[in-house]
């Protein structure tokens, strides 16, 4: 008997960061190359018109899940009187991680900011998100994790949340320091989510060192290895412009990801591995 295909979620992060990123994500959804995207509700290129453009893709049939990409790192600006900040903006990722690990953040401020971003999402889309995750994986950090899951359980009815534990065997995990950190942080995140009755994805893939010479086509083959049904693969397709260069260090690799996902090679790889976007 022929094995049933594995249905995975291929999620493009950072919708709302810039309009060229938004356009690239919508293009890929329409082409059937993505089935989820997570939205930065406080980002400069997100407004009601960008939300409506995304919603229209689901008009005739469901093409994509739409989630909230909770953002708590610079150079973005909080929606609330969040603290600590630097010159009115969130701390940069390394500083935010150190503050969270040292438990120097204010739980009430974290919860208020995440709640404000969720309300901004609902205001733009007219409904709660299908799922919640975090920009630069902040949802996994100590202190932030607890507030994030409380908001999801209370204000995100039916939404699942992204955990970042991989299905990769241990020897392979040890070769990816960033992925290994996410594996460790995800253990407590999954435990807390279960306790609150919040669903999580069974496994995660998509991390890599964002080196200029990274071969995304080769990497994507490894993302599919052992990924179970319902697993999530993260990606960051887009088109570079001056605004992206101002906001984020991940630039030209976004175009490389977009080019691969729109290519004929990508669906051939899915088919060869018994994978569909479900």
C-alpha atoms as a PDB file:
ATOM      1  CA  UNK A   1       0.000   0.000   0.000  1.00  0.00           C
ATOM      2  CA  UNK A   2       1.336   3.414  -0.950  1.00  0.00           C
ATOM      3  CA  UNK A   3       2.243   5.556   2.059  1.00  0.00           C
ATOM      4  CA  UNK A   4       0.153   8.649   2.675  1.00  0.00           C
ATOM      5  CA  UNK A   5       2.054  11.893   2.070  1.00  0.00           C
ATOM      6  CA  UNK A   6       3.269  13.846   5.058  1.00  0.00           C
ATOM      7  CA  UNK A   7       1.389  17.124   5.351  1.00  0.00           C
ATOM      8  CA  UNK A   8       3.612  19.904   6.631  1.00  0.00           C
ATOM      9  CA  UNK A   9       3.213  23.607   7.348  1.00  0.00           C
ATOM     10  CA  UNK A  10       5.609  25.853   5.443  1.00  0.00           C
ATOM     11  CA  UNK A  11       5.428  29.226   7.162  1.00  0.00           C
ATOM     12  CA  UNK A  12       6.877  32.481   5.839  1.00  0.00           C
ATOM     13  CA  UNK A  13       7.772  34.738   8.745  1.00  0.00           C
ATOM     14  CA  UNK A  14       7.859  38.548   8.833  1.00  0.00           C
ATOM     15  CA  UNK A  15       4.753  39.536   6.848  1.00  0.00           C
ATOM     16  CA  UNK A  16       4.471  43.264   7.496  1.00  0.00           C
ATOM     17  CA  UNK A  17       8.174  44.051   7.769  1.00  0.00           C
ATOM     18  CA  UNK A  18       8.320  45.624   4.276  1.00  0.00           C
ATOM     19  CA  UNK A  19       5.924  45.782   1.346  1.00  0.00           C
ATOM     20  CA  UNK A  20       8.246  43.802  -0.986  1.00  0.00           C
ATOM     21  CA  UNK A  21       8.313  41.018   1.611  1.00  0.00           C
ATOM     22  CA  UNK A  22       4.521  41.124   1.797  1.00  0.00           C
ATOM     23  CA  UNK A  23       4.238  40.891  -1.990  1.00  0.00           C
ATOM     24  CA  UNK A  24       6.688  37.993  -2.226  1.00  0.00           C
ATOM     25  CA  UNK A  25       4.800  36.039   0.454  1.00  0.00           C
ATOM     26  CA  UNK A  26       1.441  36.578  -1.257  1.00  0.00           C
ATOM     27  CA  UNK A  27       2.945  35.522  -4.592  1.00  0.00           C
ATOM     28  CA  UNK A  28       4.181  32.261  -3.086  1.00  0.00           C
ATOM     29  CA  UNK A  29       0.860  31.557  -1.366  1.00  0.00           C
ATOM     30  CA  UNK A  30      -1.023  32.037  -4.631  1.00  0.00           C
ATOM     31  CA  UNK A  31       1.428  29.682  -6.361  1.00  0.00           C
ATOM     32  CA  UNK A  32       0.781  27.004  -3.730  1.00  0.00           C
ATOM     33  CA  UNK A  33       4.342  27.200  -2.383  1.00  0.00           C
ATOM     34  CA  UNK A  34       3.419  28.339   1.163  1.00  0.00           C
ATOM     35  CA  UNK A  35       0.488  27.492   3.400  1.00  0.00           C
ATOM     36  CA  UNK A  36       1.138  29.777   6.372  1.00  0.00           C
ATOM     37  CA  UNK A  37       2.519  33.197   7.164  1.00  0.00           C
ATOM     38  CA  UNK A  38       3.037  35.032  10.446  1.00  0.00           C
ATOM     39  CA  UNK A  39       2.317  38.737  10.694  1.00  0.00           C
ATOM     40  CA  UNK A  40       4.260  41.435  12.518  1.00  0.00           C
ATOM     41  CA  UNK A  41       1.311  43.528  13.676  1.00  0.00           C
ATOM     42  CA  UNK A  42       3.535  46.432  14.787  1.00  0.00           C
ATOM     43  CA  UNK A  43       5.806  46.522  11.724  1.00  0.00           C
ATOM     44  CA  UNK A  44       6.008  49.599   9.460  1.00  0.00           C
ATOM     45  CA  UNK A  45       4.572  47.899   6.353  1.00  0.00           C
ATOM     46  CA  UNK A  46       1.546  46.355   8.046  1.00  0.00           C
ATOM     47  CA  UNK A  47      -1.831  48.045   7.951  1.00  0.00           C
ATOM     48  CA  UNK A  48      -5.431  47.150   7.183  1.00  0.00           C
ATOM     49  CA  UNK A  49      -4.832  47.191   3.412  1.00  0.00           C
ATOM     50  CA  UNK A  50      -1.988  44.668   3.741  1.00  0.00           C
ATOM     51  CA  UNK A  51      -4.212  42.513   5.954  1.00  0.00           C
ATOM     52  CA  UNK A  52      -7.039  42.648   3.408  1.00  0.00           C
ATOM     53  CA  UNK A  53      -4.675  41.701   0.580  1.00  0.00           C
ATOM     54  CA  UNK A  54      -3.677  38.615   2.543  1.00  0.00           C
ATOM     55  CA  UNK A  55      -7.255  37.727   3.493  1.00  0.00           C
ATOM     56  CA  UNK A  56      -8.346  37.877  -0.155  1.00  0.00           C
ATOM     57  CA  UNK A  57      -6.093  34.916  -0.917  1.00  0.00           C
ATOM     58  CA  UNK A  58      -8.491  32.747   1.111  1.00  0.00           C
ATOM     59  CA  UNK A  59     -11.646  34.035  -0.567  1.00  0.00           C
ATOM     60  CA  UNK A  60     -12.446  31.132  -2.899  1.00  0.00           C
ATOM     61  CA  UNK A  61     -10.695  28.393  -0.964  1.00  0.00           C
ATOM     62  CA  UNK A  62      -8.400  28.252   2.076  1.00  0.00           C
ATOM     63  CA  UNK A  63      -4.819  28.736   0.921  1.00  0.00           C
ATOM     64  CA  UNK A  64      -3.009  29.885   4.031  1.00  0.00           C
ATOM     65  CA  UNK A  65      -3.052  29.991   7.792  1.00  0.00           C
ATOM     66  CA  UNK A  66      -2.423  33.476   9.157  1.00  0.00           C
ATOM     67  CA  UNK A  67      -0.631  33.849  12.470  1.00  0.00           C
ATOM     68  CA  UNK A  68       0.709  36.529  14.782  1.00  0.00           C
ATOM     69  CA  UNK A  69       4.496  36.978  14.779  1.00  0.00           C
ATOM     70  CA  UNK A  70       5.003  38.400  18.275  1.00  0.00           C
ATOM     71  CA  UNK A  71       7.841  40.933  18.085  1.00  0.00           C
ATOM     72  CA  UNK A  72       9.852  41.966  21.143  1.00  0.00           C
ATOM     73  CA  UNK A  73      13.295  42.800  19.727  1.00  0.00           C
ATOM     74  CA  UNK A  74      14.778  45.853  18.043  1.00  0.00           C
ATOM     75  CA  UNK A  75      14.755  47.842  15.911  1.00  0.00           C
ATOM     76  CA  UNK A  76      10.968  47.696  16.269  1.00  0.00           C
ATOM     77  CA  UNK A  77       8.950  49.994  18.543  1.00  0.00           C
ATOM     78  CA  UNK A  78       6.560  48.678  21.208  1.00  0.00           C
ATOM     79  CA  UNK A  79       2.829  49.363  21.067  1.00  0.00           C
ATOM     80  CA  UNK A  80       2.782  49.884  24.853  1.00  0.00           C
ATOM     81  CA  UNK A  81       4.959  51.432  27.554  1.00  0.00           C
ATOM     82  CA  UNK A  82       7.143  48.327  27.439  1.00  0.00           C
ATOM     83  CA  UNK A  83      10.379  48.274  29.428  1.00  0.00           C
ATOM     84  CA  UNK A  84      13.287  47.931  29.113  1.00  0.00           C
ATOM     85  CA  UNK A  85      13.859  49.682  25.812  1.00  0.00           C
ATOM     86  CA  UNK A  86      16.696  51.572  24.179  1.00  0.00           C
ATOM     87  CA  UNK A  87      15.845  54.937  22.607  1.00  0.00           C
ATOM     88  CA  UNK A  88      12.193  53.908  22.568  1.00  0.00           C
ATOM     89  CA  UNK A  89      12.806  50.618  20.766  1.00  0.00           C
ATOM     90  CA  UNK A  90      12.983  47.031  21.954  1.00  0.00           C
ATOM     91  CA  UNK A  91      16.395  45.743  22.977  1.00  0.00           C
ATOM     92  CA  UNK A  92      18.427  43.934  20.311  1.00  0.00           C
ATOM     93  CA  UNK A  93      18.122  40.138  20.305  1.00  0.00           C
ATOM     94  CA  UNK A  94      21.311  39.293  22.289  1.00  0.00           C
ATOM     95  CA  UNK A  95      20.477  41.849  24.975  1.00  0.00           C
ATOM     96  CA  UNK A  96      16.844  40.707  25.198  1.00  0.00           C
ATOM     97  CA  UNK A  97      17.931  37.072  25.537  1.00  0.00           C
ATOM     98  CA  UNK A  98      20.388  37.966  28.321  1.00  0.00           C
ATOM     99  CA  UNK A  99      17.715  39.962  30.167  1.00  0.00           C
ATOM    100  CA  UNK A 100      15.234  37.083  29.877  1.00  0.00           C
ATOM    101  CA  UNK A 101      17.758  34.465  31.015  1.00  0.00           C
ATOM    102  CA  UNK A 102      18.621  36.658  34.023  1.00  0.00           C
ATOM    103  CA  UNK A 103      14.876  37.177  34.658  1.00  0.00           C
ATOM    104  CA  UNK A 104      15.237  40.958  34.549  1.00  0.00           C
ATOM    105  CA  UNK A 105      12.077  41.545  32.487  1.00  0.00           C
ATOM    106  CA  UNK A 106       8.732  42.679  33.884  1.00  0.00           C
ATOM    107  CA  UNK A 107       6.088  39.966  33.374  1.00  0.00           C
ATOM    108  CA  UNK A 108       3.237  42.486  33.379  1.00  0.00           C
ATOM    109  CA  UNK A 109       4.938  44.577  30.670  1.00  0.00           C
ATOM    110  CA  UNK A 110       5.563  41.511  28.495  1.00  0.00           C
ATOM    111  CA  UNK A 111       1.962  40.344  28.776  1.00  0.00           C
ATOM    112  CA  UNK A 112       0.600  43.822  28.057  1.00  0.00           C
ATOM    113  CA  UNK A 113       2.717  44.181  24.908  1.00  0.00           C
ATOM    114  CA  UNK A 114       1.845  40.739  23.547  1.00  0.00           C
ATOM    115  CA  UNK A 115      -1.828  41.437  24.270  1.00  0.00           C
ATOM    116  CA  UNK A 116      -1.608  44.752  22.413  1.00  0.00           C
ATOM    117  CA  UNK A 117      -0.060  43.076  19.375  1.00  0.00           C
ATOM    118  CA  UNK A 118      -2.786  40.425  19.399  1.00  0.00           C
ATOM    119  CA  UNK A 119      -5.485  43.121  19.559  1.00  0.00           C
ATOM    120  CA  UNK A 120      -3.824  44.953  16.636  1.00  0.00           C
ATOM    121  CA  UNK A 121      -3.947  41.702  14.645  1.00  0.00           C
ATOM    122  CA  UNK A 122      -7.644  41.175  15.453  1.00  0.00           C
ATOM    123  CA  UNK A 123      -8.436  44.776  14.549  1.00  0.00           C
ATOM    124  CA  UNK A 124      -6.783  44.392  11.135  1.00  0.00           C
ATOM    125  CA  UNK A 125      -8.068  40.917  10.242  1.00  0.00           C
ATOM    126  CA  UNK A 126     -11.405  40.876  12.052  1.00  0.00           C
ATOM    127  CA  UNK A 127     -10.585  37.584  13.809  1.00  0.00           C
ATOM    128  CA  UNK A 128      -7.971  35.981  16.063  1.00  0.00           C
ATOM    129  CA  UNK A 129      -4.866  34.404  14.529  1.00  0.00           C
ATOM    130  CA  UNK A 130      -4.712  30.752  13.500  1.00  0.00           C
ATOM    131  CA  UNK A 131      -1.442  30.431  15.423  1.00  0.00           C
ATOM    132  CA  UNK A 132       1.118  32.472  17.336  1.00  0.00           C
ATOM    133  CA  UNK A 133       4.902  32.410  17.104  1.00  0.00           C
ATOM    134  CA  UNK A 134       7.730  34.831  17.818  1.00  0.00           C
ATOM    135  CA  UNK A 135      10.111  36.971  15.800  1.00  0.00           C
ATOM    136  CA  UNK A 136      13.647  35.676  16.419  1.00  0.00           C
ATOM    137  CA  UNK A 137      12.045  32.916  18.551  1.00  0.00           C
ATOM    138  CA  UNK A 138      11.370  35.227  21.507  1.00  0.00           C
ATOM    139  CA  UNK A 139       8.331  33.145  22.489  1.00  0.00           C
ATOM    140  CA  UNK A 140      10.732  30.504  23.884  1.00  0.00           C
ATOM    141  CA  UNK A 141      12.693  32.823  26.180  1.00  0.00           C
ATOM    142  CA  UNK A 142      12.246  32.579  29.972  1.00  0.00           C
ATOM    143  CA  UNK A 143       9.644  35.014  31.325  1.00  0.00           C
ATOM    144  CA  UNK A 144       8.463  35.803  27.789  1.00  0.00           C
ATOM    145  CA  UNK A 145       7.382  32.174  27.363  1.00  0.00           C
ATOM    146  CA  UNK A 146       4.994  32.326  30.314  1.00  0.00           C
ATOM    147  CA  UNK A 147       3.370  35.601  29.251  1.00  0.00           C
ATOM    148  CA  UNK A 148       3.143  34.482  25.619  1.00  0.00           C
ATOM    149  CA  UNK A 149       1.364  31.250  26.527  1.00  0.00           C
ATOM    150  CA  UNK A 150      -0.991  32.971  28.970  1.00  0.00           C
ATOM    151  CA  UNK A 151      -2.106  35.375  26.241  1.00  0.00           C
ATOM    152  CA  UNK A 152      -2.449  32.558  23.705  1.00  0.00           C
ATOM    153  CA  UNK A 153      -4.554  30.466  26.092  1.00  0.00           C
ATOM    154  CA  UNK A 154      -6.758  33.377  27.114  1.00  0.00           C
ATOM    155  CA  UNK A 155      -7.119  35.440  23.937  1.00  0.00           C
ATOM    156  CA  UNK A 156      -6.308  33.087  21.045  1.00  0.00           C
ATOM    157  CA  UNK A 157      -9.199  30.607  20.982  1.00  0.00           C
ATOM    158  CA  UNK A 158      -8.267  27.532  18.944  1.00  0.00           C
ATOM    159  CA  UNK A 159      -4.828  28.879  18.012  1.00  0.00           C
ATOM    160  CA  UNK A 160      -1.748  26.676  18.157  1.00  0.00           C
ATOM    161  CA  UNK A 161       1.691  27.981  19.087  1.00  0.00           C
ATOM    162  CA  UNK A 162       5.088  27.310  17.550  1.00  0.00           C
ATOM    163  CA  UNK A 163       7.607  25.272  19.473  1.00  0.00           C
ATOM    164  CA  UNK A 164      11.035  24.830  17.883  1.00  0.00           C
ATOM    165  CA  UNK A 165      12.138  21.358  18.941  1.00  0.00           C
ATOM    166  CA  UNK A 166      13.492  19.398  15.982  1.00  0.00           C
ATOM    167  CA  UNK A 167      13.031  15.791  14.892  1.00  0.00           C
ATOM    168  CA  UNK A 168      16.727  15.553  13.945  1.00  0.00           C
ATOM    169  CA  UNK A 169      18.689  12.716  15.644  1.00  0.00           C
ATOM    170  CA  UNK A 170      21.058  13.892  18.387  1.00  0.00           C
ATOM    171  CA  UNK A 171      24.330  13.752  16.366  1.00  0.00           C
ATOM    172  CA  UNK A 172      22.811  16.058  13.749  1.00  0.00           C
ATOM    173  CA  UNK A 173      21.510  18.444  16.394  1.00  0.00           C
ATOM    174  CA  UNK A 174      24.970  18.956  17.823  1.00  0.00           C
ATOM    175  CA  UNK A 175      26.194  20.398  14.523  1.00  0.00           C
ATOM    176  CA  UNK A 176      23.733  23.330  14.710  1.00  0.00           C
ATOM    177  CA  UNK A 177      24.361  25.476  17.797  1.00  0.00           C
ATOM    178  CA  UNK A 178      21.414  27.781  17.142  1.00  0.00           C
ATOM    179  CA  UNK A 179      19.051  24.877  16.576  1.00  0.00           C
ATOM    180  CA  UNK A 180      20.345  23.143  19.710  1.00  0.00           C
ATOM    181  CA  UNK A 181      19.572  26.227  21.831  1.00  0.00           C
ATOM    182  CA  UNK A 182      16.041  26.265  20.413  1.00  0.00           C
ATOM    183  CA  UNK A 183      15.680  22.544  21.187  1.00  0.00           C
ATOM    184  CA  UNK A 184      16.584  23.188  24.831  1.00  0.00           C
ATOM    185  CA  UNK A 185      14.332  26.229  25.199  1.00  0.00           C
ATOM    186  CA  UNK A 186      11.435  24.351  23.596  1.00  0.00           C
ATOM    187  CA  UNK A 187      11.352  21.661  26.289  1.00  0.00           C
ATOM    188  CA  UNK A 188       9.970  24.006  28.940  1.00  0.00           C
ATOM    189  CA  UNK A 189       7.802  25.774  26.376  1.00  0.00           C
ATOM    190  CA  UNK A 190       6.061  22.519  25.381  1.00  0.00           C
ATOM    191  CA  UNK A 191       5.568  21.529  29.016  1.00  0.00           C
ATOM    192  CA  UNK A 192       3.961  24.882  29.870  1.00  0.00           C
ATOM    193  CA  UNK A 193       1.778  24.787  26.730  1.00  0.00           C
ATOM    194  CA  UNK A 194       0.469  21.318  27.629  1.00  0.00           C
ATOM    195  CA  UNK A 195      -0.328  22.497  31.147  1.00  0.00           C
ATOM    196  CA  UNK A 196      -2.350  25.398  29.728  1.00  0.00           C
ATOM    197  CA  UNK A 197      -4.066  23.215  27.098  1.00  0.00           C
ATOM    198  CA  UNK A 198      -2.468  25.060  24.148  1.00  0.00           C
ATOM    199  CA  UNK A 199      -1.639  22.972  21.069  1.00  0.00           C
ATOM    200  CA  UNK A 200       1.868  22.964  19.583  1.00  0.00           C
ATOM    201  CA  UNK A 201       3.378  21.679  16.348  1.00  0.00           C
ATOM    202  CA  UNK A 202       4.998  18.229  16.684  1.00  0.00           C
ATOM    203  CA  UNK A 203       8.372  19.275  15.254  1.00  0.00           C
ATOM    204  CA  UNK A 204      10.183  22.202  13.678  1.00  0.00           C
ATOM    205  CA  UNK A 205      12.796  22.847  10.987  1.00  0.00           C
ATOM    206  CA  UNK A 206      14.226  25.774   9.062  1.00  0.00           C
ATOM    207  CA  UNK A 207      17.096  27.127  11.149  1.00  0.00           C
ATOM    208  CA  UNK A 208      20.464  27.668   9.517  1.00  0.00           C
ATOM    209  CA  UNK A 209      23.424  30.027   9.714  1.00  0.00           C
ATOM    210  CA  UNK A 210      22.500  32.987   7.544  1.00  0.00           C
ATOM    211  CA  UNK A 211      25.851  33.023   5.758  1.00  0.00           C
ATOM    212  CA  UNK A 212      26.006  34.764   2.403  1.00  0.00           C
ATOM    213  CA  UNK A 213      26.951  31.531   0.614  1.00  0.00           C
ATOM    214  CA  UNK A 214      24.223  29.380   2.242  1.00  0.00           C
ATOM    215  CA  UNK A 215      22.751  26.880  -0.237  1.00  0.00           C
ATOM    216  CA  UNK A 216      19.037  27.066   0.573  1.00  0.00           C
ATOM    217  CA  UNK A 217      18.072  24.343  -1.916  1.00  0.00           C
ATOM    218  CA  UNK A 218      20.449  21.887  -0.245  1.00  0.00           C
ATOM    219  CA  UNK A 219      19.369  22.983   3.207  1.00  0.00           C
ATOM    220  CA  UNK A 220      15.696  22.509   2.442  1.00  0.00           C
ATOM    221  CA  UNK A 221      16.294  18.836   1.705  1.00  0.00           C
ATOM    222  CA  UNK A 222      17.651  18.453   5.235  1.00  0.00           C
ATOM    223  CA  UNK A 223      14.633  20.277   6.701  1.00  0.00           C
ATOM    224  CA  UNK A 224      12.365  17.500   5.419  1.00  0.00           C
ATOM    225  CA  UNK A 225      14.435  14.687   6.926  1.00  0.00           C
ATOM    226  CA  UNK A 226      12.353  12.924   9.620  1.00  0.00           C
ATOM    227  CA  UNK A 227       9.927  15.863   9.813  1.00  0.00           C
ATOM    228  CA  UNK A 228       6.613  14.299  10.877  1.00  0.00           C
ATOM    229  CA  UNK A 229       3.109  14.971   9.655  1.00  0.00           C
ATOM    230  CA  UNK A 230       2.079  18.414  10.927  1.00  0.00           C
ATOM    231  CA  UNK A 231       5.664  19.601  11.321  1.00  0.00           C
ATOM    232  CA  UNK A 232       6.502  23.259  10.686  1.00  0.00           C
ATOM    233  CA  UNK A 233       9.253  24.574   8.425  1.00  0.00           C
ATOM    234  CA  UNK A 234      10.124  28.248   8.879  1.00  0.00           C
ATOM    235  CA  UNK A 235      11.279  30.376   5.943  1.00  0.00           C
ATOM    236  CA  UNK A 236      11.907  34.055   5.178  1.00  0.00           C
ATOM    237  CA  UNK A 237      11.260  34.767   1.488  1.00  0.00           C
ATOM    238  CA  UNK A 238      11.310  38.354   0.303  1.00  0.00           C
ATOM    239  CA  UNK A 239      12.761  41.025  -1.945  1.00  0.00           C
ATOM    240  CA  UNK A 240      15.460  43.412  -0.776  1.00  0.00           C
ATOM    241  CA  UNK A 241      14.934  47.152  -0.618  1.00  0.00           C
ATOM    242  CA  UNK A 242      16.393  49.995   1.425  1.00  0.00           C
ATOM    243  CA  UNK A 243      13.768  49.590   4.157  1.00  0.00           C
ATOM    244  CA  UNK A 244      14.681  45.940   4.693  1.00  0.00           C
ATOM    245  CA  UNK A 245      18.369  46.839   4.848  1.00  0.00           C
ATOM    246  CA  UNK A 246      17.503  49.363   7.559  1.00  0.00           C
ATOM    247  CA  UNK A 247      15.410  46.948   9.613  1.00  0.00           C
ATOM    248  CA  UNK A 248      17.006  43.526   9.429  1.00  0.00           C
ATOM    249  CA  UNK A 249      20.377  41.854   8.764  1.00  0.00           C
ATOM    250  CA  UNK A 250      18.704  39.050   6.773  1.00  0.00           C
ATOM    251  CA  UNK A 251      18.564  40.516   3.264  1.00  0.00           C
ATOM    252  CA  UNK A 252      19.835  38.812   0.106  1.00  0.00           C
ATOM    253  CA  UNK A 253      19.144  35.333   1.492  1.00  0.00           C
ATOM    254  CA  UNK A 254      15.461  36.242   1.478  1.00  0.00           C
ATOM    255  CA  UNK A 255      15.628  36.581  -2.305  1.00  0.00           C
ATOM    256  CA  UNK A 256      17.453  33.252  -2.546  1.00  0.00           C
ATOM    257  CA  UNK A 257      14.698  31.585  -0.525  1.00  0.00           C
ATOM    258  CA  UNK A 258      11.994  33.208  -2.642  1.00  0.00           C
ATOM    259  CA  UNK A 259      13.677  32.131  -5.881  1.00  0.00           C
ATOM    260  CA  UNK A 260      13.969  28.527  -4.722  1.00  0.00           C
ATOM    261  CA  UNK A 261      10.395  28.268  -3.452  1.00  0.00           C
ATOM    262  CA  UNK A 262       8.941  29.609  -6.722  1.00  0.00           C
ATOM    263  CA  UNK A 263      11.158  27.332  -8.824  1.00  0.00           C
ATOM    264  CA  UNK A 264      10.108  24.021 -10.410  1.00  0.00           C
ATOM    265  CA  UNK A 265      12.730  22.259  -8.305  1.00  0.00           C
ATOM    266  CA  UNK A 266      10.825  22.881  -5.056  1.00  0.00           C
ATOM    267  CA  UNK A 267       7.614  20.929  -5.811  1.00  0.00           C
ATOM    268  CA  UNK A 268       9.724  18.130  -7.284  1.00  0.00           C
ATOM    269  CA  UNK A 269      11.608  17.885  -3.983  1.00  0.00           C
ATOM    270  CA  UNK A 270       8.341  17.707  -2.004  1.00  0.00           C
ATOM    271  CA  UNK A 271       6.981  14.976  -4.276  1.00  0.00           C
ATOM    272  CA  UNK A 272      10.205  12.955  -4.108  1.00  0.00           C
ATOM    273  CA  UNK A 273      10.033  13.024  -0.310  1.00  0.00           C
ATOM    274  CA  UNK A 274       6.322  12.217  -0.043  1.00  0.00           C
ATOM    275  CA  UNK A 275       5.484  15.651   1.342  1.00  0.00           C
ATOM    276  CA  UNK A 276       2.592  18.006   0.650  1.00  0.00           C
ATOM    277  CA  UNK A 277       1.619  21.375   2.073  1.00  0.00           C
ATOM    278  CA  UNK A 278      -1.475  20.455   4.067  1.00  0.00           C
END
